[in-house]
Amino acid sequence: MNVTAIDQLPVVVVGAGPAGLAAAAHLVDRGLEPLVLEAGTQAGAAVREWSHVRLFSAWGEVVDPIAEKLLAPTGWVKPDADTYPTGGDWAVAYLQPLADVLGDRVRLDARVTGISRTGRDRVVDADREQQPFTVHIRYGDGREERVLARAVIDASGTWATPSPAGADGLPALGERAVADRISYRVPDLKDPAVRARYAGRRTAVIGSGASAFTALASLAALAKSRDGADTRATWILRRAISGNTFGGGSADQLPARGSLGLAAKAAVDEGYADAVTGFRTDAIERDGEHLVLVAEDGRRLDPVDEVIVLTGFRPDLTFLDELRLGLDDRLQAPVELAPLIDPNQHSCGTVYPHGVKELAHPEEGVYLVGMKSYGRAPSFLALTGYEQVRSVVAAIAGDRESAERVELVLPETGVCGGAGLFDQPADTPTDDGGCCASPTALQIGVGAPAVSGGC
């Protein structure tokens, strides 16, 4: 296939979430043809799974400008920029209309099972970069298809691959055997069936981020309710409690995020949650109708009824195995990006905007964007993802000047996402859950994802 023919192929975008749909909008704006492949049956399928979670970021920070431009001729009206959407709001009022505008360019129930170069596995060098990408798809009805692409933008996120309870990064001994008693998401306690699962029972919450804060605060609210008497939580942390364990509190420049940390602290201070520090989970054992968590040092906790594991997310790289990716060996993020997002050194407020330079791989023409680009790093901003796709699409279009120019300015502390317990105004409590996107936690400014605007 000659170069001209390759240039006529679509750019395949994996995932119809916030970053993927924004990428498609930018491609259309550049006169390039996108093909968005979404494994779920609806646009924003992952976001819809944490529809009860409220983002830390307001509407003004979770709508891509080019996507807004594409939506404008349809009569779409942007929600109040200063209000905070839930994941459900975000999906229904923005992601679905955007997917509708893109029309047949978005294929649903289409799972990508593999990506390679046509006729070249990852070992073969000969004429490699002259070959188009081949993308293998399996549809929900069992059909399989291969499509060719000039470039690939993987915006599939990390929501589908939560980290397990084991302190070594692997499932704790017995974790799989008691899977029916474990949740890896912040529960929606407005759902009667979910509420009944936790009401009046003791739940172990494993994790130390915004998702864990949300779960603790939600369980405390349940304990105070008419049907939640005797609801209690055991909060399991690998580290000791320190001055910054609960975040910035009233000093946080994102009031909703600060309020979430304060709500979690109140859950502990008021006796609705018992904090267990320095506990590195090794095993989860059945004890009659209860579960017992065992630490690496042999400590055994009092029995609990349920376990909520909120230890982060990790990228699924299996379908990219035939591509030559340059990933950091710790974070599984692009090597140029990894030092900028290392959670040992940075919060989302200290990661500067970045683009194609930091997202490039040895395999030219393939990019991981959105929460997927952060690998195992926990905090991501929707605005950061939108800047990523702007830069990447400019590079694919051959506009290197625009691709290498930073067009996003973030406040000093960032607009970290994830989710909060509070709507506008930020100091008014609600029963909404929240987490750090990502999914959404994307932090998408969500993580529930760890997206702010991700988990």
Protein backbone atom coordinates (compact mmCIF):
# COMPACT_ATOMS: atom_id res chain seq x y z
CA MET A 1 0.00 0.00 0.00
CA ASN A 2 1.45 3.39 -0.97
CA VAL A 3 1.65 6.45 1.27
CA THR A 4 -1.25 8.19 -0.44
CA ALA A 5 -3.50 5.20 0.20
CA ILE A 6 -2.48 5.08 3.88
CA ASP A 7 -3.34 8.75 4.25
CA GLN A 8 -6.85 7.96 3.05
CA LEU A 9 -7.44 5.48 5.87
CA PRO A 10 -9.26 6.48 9.05
CA VAL A 11 -7.62 7.15 12.38
CA VAL A 12 -8.86 4.50 14.79
CA VAL A 13 -9.77 5.78 18.24
CA VAL A 14 -10.18 3.13 20.92
CA GLY A 15 -12.83 4.15 23.43
CA ALA A 16 -15.84 6.49 23.26
CA GLY A 17 -15.18 8.18 26.58
CA PRO A 18 -14.28 11.84 27.18
CA ALA A 19 -10.79 11.67 25.65
CA GLY A 20 -11.77 9.38 22.77
CA LEU A 21 -14.76 11.44 21.66
CA ALA A 22 -12.71 14.63 21.99
CA ALA A 23 -10.04 13.06 19.78
CA ALA A 24 -12.69 12.24 17.18
CA ALA A 25 -13.98 15.82 17.28
CA HIS A 26 -10.47 17.17 16.72
CA LEU A 27 -9.95 14.76 13.82
CA VAL A 28 -13.18 15.90 12.16
CA ASP A 29 -12.18 19.52 12.71
CA ARG A 30 -8.89 18.79 10.93
CA GLY A 31 -10.63 17.13 7.99
CA LEU A 32 -9.49 13.63 9.03
CA GLU A 33 -11.81 10.66 9.32
CA PRO A 34 -12.08 8.99 12.75
CA LEU A 35 -13.38 5.53 13.53
CA VAL A 36 -14.22 5.25 17.21
CA LEU A 37 -14.46 1.72 18.59
CA GLU A 38 -16.27 1.39 21.93
CA ALA A 39 -16.44 -1.93 23.77
CA GLY A 40 -19.56 -0.85 25.66
CA THR A 41 -23.07 -0.59 24.32
CA GLN A 42 -23.28 3.19 24.87
CA ALA A 43 -20.98 6.13 24.45
CA GLY A 44 -19.30 6.91 27.75
CA ALA A 45 -19.99 3.38 28.98
CA ALA A 46 -17.35 3.53 31.72
CA VAL A 47 -18.49 6.96 32.91
CA ARG A 48 -22.04 5.66 33.16
CA GLU A 49 -20.84 2.99 35.58
CA TRP A 50 -20.03 5.73 38.09
CA SER A 51 -23.03 7.87 37.21
CA HIS A 52 -23.75 8.53 40.90
CA VAL A 53 -20.33 10.13 41.45
CA ARG A 54 -20.00 13.90 41.34
CA LEU A 55 -16.87 15.37 39.75
CA PHE A 56 -14.58 17.85 41.44
CA SER A 57 -14.36 19.73 38.17
CA ALA A 58 -17.14 22.03 37.03
CA TRP A 59 -18.80 21.87 33.60
CA GLY A 60 -16.48 24.60 32.36
CA GLU A 61 -13.53 22.24 32.83
CA VAL A 62 -14.91 19.03 31.35
CA VAL A 63 -16.11 20.11 27.88
CA ASP A 64 -13.55 20.10 25.08
CA PRO A 65 -13.63 23.38 23.07
CA ILE A 66 -13.51 21.68 19.66
CA ALA A 67 -16.20 19.22 20.71
CA GLU A 68 -18.32 22.19 21.78
CA LYS A 69 -17.74 23.75 18.35
CA LEU A 70 -18.91 20.52 16.68
CA LEU A 71 -22.02 20.41 18.88
CA ALA A 72 -23.00 24.06 18.42
CA PRO A 73 -24.86 23.69 15.07
CA THR A 74 -27.17 21.09 16.67
CA GLY A 75 -28.47 23.64 19.16
CA TRP A 76 -26.63 22.01 22.04
CA VAL A 77 -26.35 24.33 25.01
CA LYS A 78 -23.44 23.96 27.41
CA PRO A 79 -24.57 23.50 31.02
CA ASP A 80 -23.78 26.19 33.56
CA ALA A 81 -19.98 26.33 33.58
CA ASP A 82 -19.81 26.79 37.36
CA THR A 83 -21.87 23.75 38.36
CA TYR A 84 -20.53 20.27 39.03
CA PRO A 85 -21.88 17.34 37.00
CA THR A 86 -22.20 13.75 38.14
CA GLY A 87 -20.82 11.06 35.89
CA GLY A 88 -24.38 10.47 34.71
CA ASP A 89 -24.83 14.15 33.89
CA TRP A 90 -21.57 14.17 31.96
CA ALA A 91 -22.53 11.12 29.92
CA VAL A 92 -26.10 12.14 29.13
CA ALA A 93 -25.68 15.89 28.61
CA TYR A 94 -22.32 15.90 26.81
CA LEU A 95 -20.82 12.55 25.79
CA GLN A 96 -23.99 11.11 24.25
CA PRO A 97 -24.81 14.24 22.19
CA LEU A 98 -21.21 14.32 20.97
CA ALA A 99 -21.39 10.67 19.93
CA ASP A 100 -24.69 11.37 18.19
CA VAL A 101 -23.09 14.14 16.15
CA LEU A 102 -20.26 11.83 15.14
CA GLY A 103 -22.86 9.31 14.01
CA ASP A 104 -21.59 6.24 12.15
CA ARG A 105 -18.03 7.19 13.00
CA VAL A 106 -18.72 5.64 16.42
CA ARG A 107 -19.22 1.87 16.59
CA LEU A 108 -20.60 0.43 19.80
CA ASP A 109 -20.24 -3.08 21.22
CA ALA A 110 -16.97 -3.23 19.28
CA ARG A 111 -14.08 -4.54 21.36
CA VAL A 112 -10.53 -4.15 20.05
CA THR A 113 -8.71 -7.44 20.56
CA GLY A 114 -5.41 -6.63 18.87
CA ILE A 115 -3.47 -3.98 16.95
CA SER A 116 -0.42 -4.52 14.76
CA ARG A 117 1.17 -3.42 11.50
CA THR A 118 -0.17 -5.12 8.39
CA GLY A 119 1.95 -8.20 7.76
CA ARG A 120 4.44 -7.26 10.51
CA ASP A 121 4.61 -8.57 14.06
CA ARG A 122 6.61 -6.55 16.57
CA VAL A 123 9.86 -8.29 15.61
CA VAL A 124 9.91 -7.39 11.90
CA ASP A 125 11.74 -4.19 10.86
CA ALA A 126 11.44 -4.33 7.06
CA ASP A 127 9.24 -1.50 5.71
CA ARG A 128 7.46 -1.41 9.05
CA GLU A 129 6.54 2.26 9.13
CA GLN A 130 5.24 2.10 5.56
CA GLN A 131 2.53 -0.37 6.59
CA PRO A 132 -0.87 0.71 7.90
CA PHE A 133 -2.09 -0.47 11.26
CA THR A 134 -4.43 -3.44 11.34
CA VAL A 135 -7.03 -3.37 14.09
CA HIS A 136 -8.82 -6.55 15.09
CA ILE A 137 -12.38 -6.13 16.38
CA ARG A 138 -14.84 -8.50 18.01
CA TYR A 139 -18.46 -7.39 18.11
CA GLY A 140 -20.99 -8.30 20.75
CA ASP A 141 -22.75 -10.72 18.41
CA GLY A 142 -19.54 -12.70 17.91
CA ARG A 143 -18.59 -11.27 14.52
CA GLU A 144 -14.94 -10.45 13.94
CA GLU A 145 -13.49 -7.84 11.61
CA ARG A 146 -10.17 -6.27 10.71
CA VAL A 147 -9.90 -2.62 9.72
CA LEU A 148 -6.87 -0.69 8.48
CA ALA A 149 -5.85 2.61 10.02
CA ARG A 150 -3.33 5.37 9.31
CA ALA A 151 -2.85 5.96 13.05
CA VAL A 152 -4.21 4.71 16.37
CA ILE A 153 -5.27 6.74 19.41
CA ASP A 154 -5.89 4.50 22.42
CA ALA A 155 -8.25 6.30 24.81
CA SER A 156 -9.67 3.14 26.39
CA GLY A 157 -8.88 4.26 29.93
CA THR A 158 -8.23 2.04 32.94
CA TRP A 159 -11.69 1.70 34.49
CA ALA A 160 -12.07 -1.95 33.49
CA THR A 161 -8.88 -3.02 35.26
CA PRO A 162 -8.95 -2.02 38.95
CA SER A 163 -6.02 -2.98 41.12
CA PRO A 164 -6.51 -5.87 43.58
CA ALA A 165 -6.32 -5.87 47.37
CA GLY A 166 -2.91 -7.53 47.70
CA ALA A 167 -0.12 -5.23 48.86
CA ASP A 168 2.22 -6.82 46.31
CA GLY A 169 0.03 -5.70 43.42
CA LEU A 170 -1.45 -9.17 42.95
CA PRO A 171 -4.74 -10.52 44.29
CA ALA A 172 -4.54 -11.35 47.98
CA LEU A 173 -4.65 -15.03 48.86
CA GLY A 174 -8.31 -16.02 48.76
CA GLU A 175 -9.42 -12.76 47.10
CA ARG A 176 -10.80 -14.47 44.02
CA ALA A 177 -12.65 -17.06 46.11
CA VAL A 178 -14.65 -14.36 47.91
CA ALA A 179 -15.22 -12.15 44.87
CA ASP A 180 -18.95 -12.08 45.54
CA ARG A 181 -18.26 -10.11 48.74
CA ILE A 182 -15.80 -7.63 47.23
CA SER A 183 -16.46 -4.45 45.27
CA TYR A 184 -13.80 -2.48 43.40
CA ARG A 185 -16.00 0.59 42.94
CA VAL A 186 -17.51 3.23 45.20
CA PRO A 187 -20.99 1.85 45.94
CA ASP A 188 -24.10 3.72 44.88
CA LEU A 189 -25.97 3.80 48.17
CA LYS A 190 -29.00 5.38 46.53
CA ASP A 191 -29.65 2.07 44.80
CA PRO A 192 -31.91 0.10 47.17
CA ALA A 193 -30.21 -3.23 46.46
CA VAL A 194 -26.74 -1.77 47.00
CA ARG A 195 -27.88 0.07 50.10
CA ALA A 196 -29.24 -3.15 51.58
CA ARG A 197 -25.89 -4.83 50.99
CA TYR A 198 -24.07 -2.41 53.30
CA ALA A 199 -26.73 -1.17 55.72
CA GLY A 200 -26.23 -2.39 59.28
CA ARG A 201 -23.07 -4.26 58.36
CA ARG A 202 -19.33 -3.79 58.79
CA THR A 203 -17.32 -3.06 55.64
CA ALA A 204 -13.56 -2.98 55.16
CA VAL A 205 -12.45 -0.12 52.90
CA ILE A 206 -8.94 -0.60 51.47
CA GLY A 207 -7.27 2.49 49.97
CA SER A 208 -6.16 6.01 50.82
CA GLY A 209 -7.30 8.22 47.96
CA ALA A 210 -10.40 10.21 47.12
CA SER A 211 -12.34 7.07 46.24
CA ALA A 212 -11.71 5.71 49.72
CA PHE A 213 -12.73 9.07 51.22
CA THR A 214 -15.96 8.89 49.27
CA ALA A 215 -16.74 5.37 50.43
CA LEU A 216 -16.02 6.26 54.07
CA ALA A 217 -18.16 9.39 53.95
CA SER A 218 -20.98 7.55 52.18
CA LEU A 219 -20.98 4.71 54.70
CA ALA A 220 -20.97 7.23 57.55
CA ALA A 221 -23.98 8.97 56.00
CA LEU A 222 -25.70 5.59 55.74
CA ALA A 223 -24.95 4.89 59.41
CA LYS A 224 -26.68 8.15 60.37
CA SER A 225 -29.78 7.36 58.34
CA ARG A 226 -32.98 5.71 59.54
CA ASP A 227 -32.22 2.38 57.85
CA GLY A 228 -28.48 2.30 58.47
CA ALA A 229 -28.08 1.79 62.21
CA ASP A 230 -24.98 -0.24 63.15
CA THR A 231 -23.32 0.43 59.77
CA ARG A 232 -19.59 0.63 60.39
CA ALA A 233 -16.38 0.73 58.35
CA THR A 234 -12.84 -0.48 58.92
CA TRP A 235 -10.49 1.75 56.97
CA ILE A 236 -7.29 -0.03 55.95
CA LEU A 237 -4.21 2.04 55.10
CA ARG A 238 -0.72 0.88 54.23
CA ARG A 239 0.80 3.98 55.81
CA ALA A 240 0.36 5.85 59.06
CA ILE A 241 -2.09 8.75 59.34
CA SER A 242 -0.30 12.08 58.96
CA GLY A 243 -1.17 15.72 58.52
CA ASN A 244 -1.95 15.33 54.81
CA THR A 245 -3.80 12.00 54.97
CA PHE A 246 -7.15 13.71 54.44
CA GLY A 247 -5.94 16.17 51.81
CA GLY A 248 -5.94 19.95 52.02
CA GLY A 249 -9.25 20.36 53.83
CA SER A 250 -10.36 23.98 54.07
CA ALA A 251 -7.05 25.11 52.52
CA ASP A 252 -7.73 23.19 49.29
CA GLN A 253 -8.32 25.54 46.36
CA LEU A 254 -10.87 23.01 45.12
CA PRO A 255 -13.53 23.28 47.82
CA ALA A 256 -15.38 20.12 46.79
CA ARG A 257 -12.22 18.07 47.02
CA GLY A 258 -11.29 19.56 50.36
CA SER A 259 -14.78 18.93 51.71
CA LEU A 260 -14.53 15.28 50.71
CA GLY A 261 -11.37 14.81 52.79
CA LEU A 262 -13.01 16.55 55.73
CA ALA A 263 -16.06 14.28 55.43
CA ALA A 264 -13.83 11.21 55.56
CA LYS A 265 -12.01 12.61 58.60
CA ALA A 266 -15.36 13.21 60.29
CA ALA A 267 -16.33 9.58 59.64
CA VAL A 268 -13.27 8.51 61.63
CA ASP A 269 -13.55 11.17 64.33
CA GLU A 270 -17.23 10.39 64.93
CA GLY A 271 -16.62 6.67 65.28
CA TYR A 272 -18.28 5.46 62.09
CA ALA A 273 -14.95 4.21 60.73
CA ASP A 274 -11.98 2.67 62.52
CA ALA A 275 -8.61 3.37 60.90
CA VAL A 276 -6.08 0.54 60.76
CA THR A 277 -2.64 1.78 59.69
CA GLY A 278 0.47 0.03 58.43
CA PHE A 279 -1.67 -2.87 57.20
CA ARG A 280 -0.50 -4.54 54.01
CA THR A 281 -3.13 -7.04 52.93
CA ASP A 282 -1.86 -10.56 52.28
CA ALA A 283 -4.99 -12.72 52.48
CA ILE A 284 -8.78 -12.60 52.75
CA GLU A 285 -10.26 -15.61 54.53
CA ARG A 286 -13.81 -16.80 55.06
CA ASP A 287 -14.89 -17.12 58.69
CA GLY A 288 -18.39 -18.55 58.58
CA GLU A 289 -20.55 -15.79 57.13
CA HIS A 290 -17.82 -13.19 57.58
CA LEU A 291 -14.45 -12.27 56.05
CA VAL A 292 -11.16 -11.81 57.86
CA LEU A 293 -8.31 -9.75 56.41
CA VAL A 294 -4.78 -10.90 57.18
CA ALA A 295 -1.69 -8.69 56.86
CA GLU A 296 1.77 -9.62 55.65
CA ASP A 297 2.96 -9.37 59.26
CA GLY A 298 0.33 -11.86 60.41
CA ARG A 299 -2.13 -9.41 61.94
CA ARG A 300 -5.76 -10.48 61.66
CA LEU A 301 -8.57 -7.95 61.74
CA ASP A 302 -11.98 -8.41 63.30
CA PRO A 303 -14.44 -10.06 60.89
CA VAL A 304 -16.27 -7.91 58.33
CA ASP A 305 -19.24 -8.54 56.07
CA GLU A 306 -18.06 -6.78 52.91
CA VAL A 307 -14.83 -5.45 51.41
CA ILE A 308 -14.43 -2.42 49.14
CA VAL A 309 -11.05 -2.35 47.39
CA LEU A 310 -10.11 1.13 46.14
CA THR A 311 -6.40 0.76 45.42
CA GLY A 312 -6.27 2.38 41.99
CA PHE A 313 -6.37 1.21 38.39
CA ARG A 314 -3.92 -0.09 35.81
CA PRO A 315 -3.85 -0.11 32.00
CA ASP A 316 -4.83 -3.11 29.89
CA LEU A 317 -1.96 -3.44 27.43
CA THR A 318 -2.74 -6.93 26.13
CA PHE A 319 -4.26 -5.84 22.81
CA LEU A 320 -1.22 -3.62 22.14
CA ASP A 321 1.27 -6.44 22.52
CA GLU A 322 2.37 -6.46 18.84
CA LEU A 323 3.22 -2.76 18.88
CA ARG A 324 6.53 -1.28 19.95
CA LEU A 325 5.62 0.84 22.93
CA GLY A 326 8.06 2.79 25.06
CA LEU A 327 6.64 2.47 28.58
CA ASP A 328 8.12 3.29 31.96
CA ASP A 329 8.84 0.08 33.83
CA ARG A 330 7.10 1.29 37.00
CA LEU A 331 4.11 3.34 35.95
CA GLN A 332 3.46 1.73 32.53
CA ALA A 333 3.13 5.25 31.13
CA PRO A 334 5.09 6.64 28.13
CA VAL A 335 8.72 7.03 29.17
CA GLU A 336 8.86 10.78 28.51
CA LEU A 337 5.67 11.37 30.48
CA ALA A 338 6.37 9.12 33.46
CA PRO A 339 8.78 11.43 35.35
CA LEU A 340 6.22 14.24 35.12
CA ILE A 341 3.38 12.25 36.71
CA ASP A 342 5.23 10.07 39.23
CA PRO A 343 2.87 10.10 42.26
CA ASN A 344 5.90 9.95 44.54
CA GLN A 345 6.85 13.40 43.28
CA HIS A 346 3.74 15.07 41.86
CA SER A 347 0.09 15.78 42.46
CA CYS A 348 -2.22 16.62 39.57
CA GLY A 349 -1.61 20.28 40.33
CA THR A 350 2.12 20.04 39.61
CA VAL A 351 1.94 18.18 36.27
CA TYR A 352 2.32 20.68 33.46
CA PRO A 353 0.32 20.35 30.22
CA HIS A 354 1.94 18.04 27.71
CA GLY A 355 1.37 16.63 24.26
CA VAL A 356 2.79 14.61 21.42
CA LYS A 357 6.42 14.90 22.52
CA GLU A 358 5.75 13.20 25.85
CA LEU A 359 3.24 10.73 24.37
CA ALA A 360 5.35 9.41 21.48
CA HIS A 361 6.39 5.75 21.22
CA PRO A 362 8.99 3.91 19.14
CA GLU A 363 6.01 2.75 17.03
CA GLU A 364 5.27 5.88 15.07
CA GLY A 365 1.60 6.75 14.74
CA VAL A 366 0.27 5.14 17.93
CA TYR A 367 -0.64 7.19 21.01
CA LEU A 368 -2.04 6.40 24.44
CA VAL A 369 -4.10 9.35 25.68
CA GLY A 370 -6.39 10.17 28.57
CA MET A 371 -6.23 8.10 31.72
CA LYS A 372 -4.59 5.25 29.77
CA SER A 373 -1.55 7.47 29.18
CA TYR A 374 -0.99 7.81 32.94
CA GLY A 375 -0.58 4.05 33.41
CA ARG A 376 -0.77 3.44 37.16
CA ALA A 377 -0.46 7.08 38.18
CA PRO A 378 -3.69 8.03 39.96
CA SER A 379 -4.59 11.65 39.22
CA PHE A 380 -5.73 12.87 35.82
CA LEU A 381 -7.47 15.99 34.55
CA ALA A 382 -10.03 16.16 31.77
CA LEU A 383 -8.43 19.38 30.58
CA THR A 384 -5.07 17.61 30.39
CA GLY A 385 -6.62 14.87 28.26
CA TYR A 386 -8.17 17.41 25.91
CA GLU A 387 -4.79 19.09 25.47
CA GLN A 388 -3.23 15.69 24.78
CA VAL A 389 -5.64 14.87 21.97
CA ARG A 390 -5.37 18.37 20.48
CA SER A 391 -1.61 17.94 20.22
CA VAL A 392 -1.71 14.33 19.00
CA VAL A 393 -4.29 15.06 16.29
CA ALA A 394 -2.27 18.06 15.12
CA ALA A 395 0.75 15.76 14.76
CA ILE A 396 -1.25 13.18 12.79
CA ALA A 397 -2.46 15.99 10.52
CA GLY A 398 1.15 17.03 9.90
CA ASP A 399 0.92 20.30 11.83
CA ARG A 400 4.02 19.90 13.99
CA GLU A 401 4.07 23.55 15.04
CA SER A 402 0.64 23.24 16.64
CA ALA A 403 1.40 19.78 17.99
CA GLU A 404 4.43 21.03 19.90
CA ARG A 405 2.76 24.20 21.19
CA VAL A 406 1.15 24.15 24.64
CA GLU A 407 -2.30 25.71 24.45
CA LEU A 408 -3.54 24.95 27.96
CA VAL A 409 -2.92 26.98 31.10
CA LEU A 410 -3.90 25.38 34.41
CA PRO A 411 -4.17 27.09 37.78
CA GLU A 412 -1.22 26.42 40.04
CA THR A 413 -2.99 23.71 41.99
CA GLY A 414 -4.70 22.21 38.98
CA VAL A 415 -8.35 21.35 38.64
CA CYS A 416 -8.03 17.86 39.95
CA GLY A 417 -10.94 15.72 39.30
CA GLY A 418 -12.38 12.68 40.64
CA ALA A 419 -15.50 13.14 42.45
CA GLY A 420 -16.80 15.01 45.34
CA LEU A 421 -19.63 14.63 47.75
CA PHE A 422 -20.82 18.15 47.14
CA ASP A 423 -22.69 20.03 44.48
CA GLN A 424 -22.84 23.80 44.01
CA PRO A 425 -22.27 25.43 46.39
CA ALA A 426 -19.35 23.30 47.45
CA ASP A 427 -20.09 23.52 51.15
CA THR A 428 -23.59 22.04 50.81
CA PRO A 429 -23.49 18.29 51.57
CA THR A 430 -25.45 15.78 49.53
CA ASP A 431 -25.69 11.99 49.48
CA ASP A 432 -23.77 11.77 46.22
CA GLY A 433 -20.70 9.61 46.17
CA GLY A 434 -17.45 10.57 44.60
CA CYS A 435 -14.12 9.27 43.65
CA CYS A 436 -10.99 10.22 41.98
CA ALA A 437 -11.19 9.56 38.30
CA SER A 438 -10.73 7.11 37.85
CA PRO A 439 -13.21 6.34 37.03
CA THR A 440 -13.75 7.90 35.77
CA ALA A 441 -12.43 7.14 38.91
CA LEU A 442 -10.51 9.95 34.97
CA GLN A 443 -8.82 12.21 37.85
CA ILE A 444 -10.48 13.93 35.35
CA GLY A 445 -10.67 16.74 37.36
CA VAL A 446 -12.28 12.53 37.75
CA GLY A 447 -9.63 7.62 38.56
CA ALA A 448 -14.07 7.38 40.23
CA PRO A 449 -12.48 6.95 38.47
CA ALA A 450 -9.42 8.74 38.51
CA VAL A 451 -10.62 11.12 35.91
CA SER A 452 -11.64 14.45 36.80
CA GLY A 453 -14.22 14.61 34.67
CA GLY A 454 -11.91 10.39 35.39
CA CYS A 455 -12.19 7.58 36.93
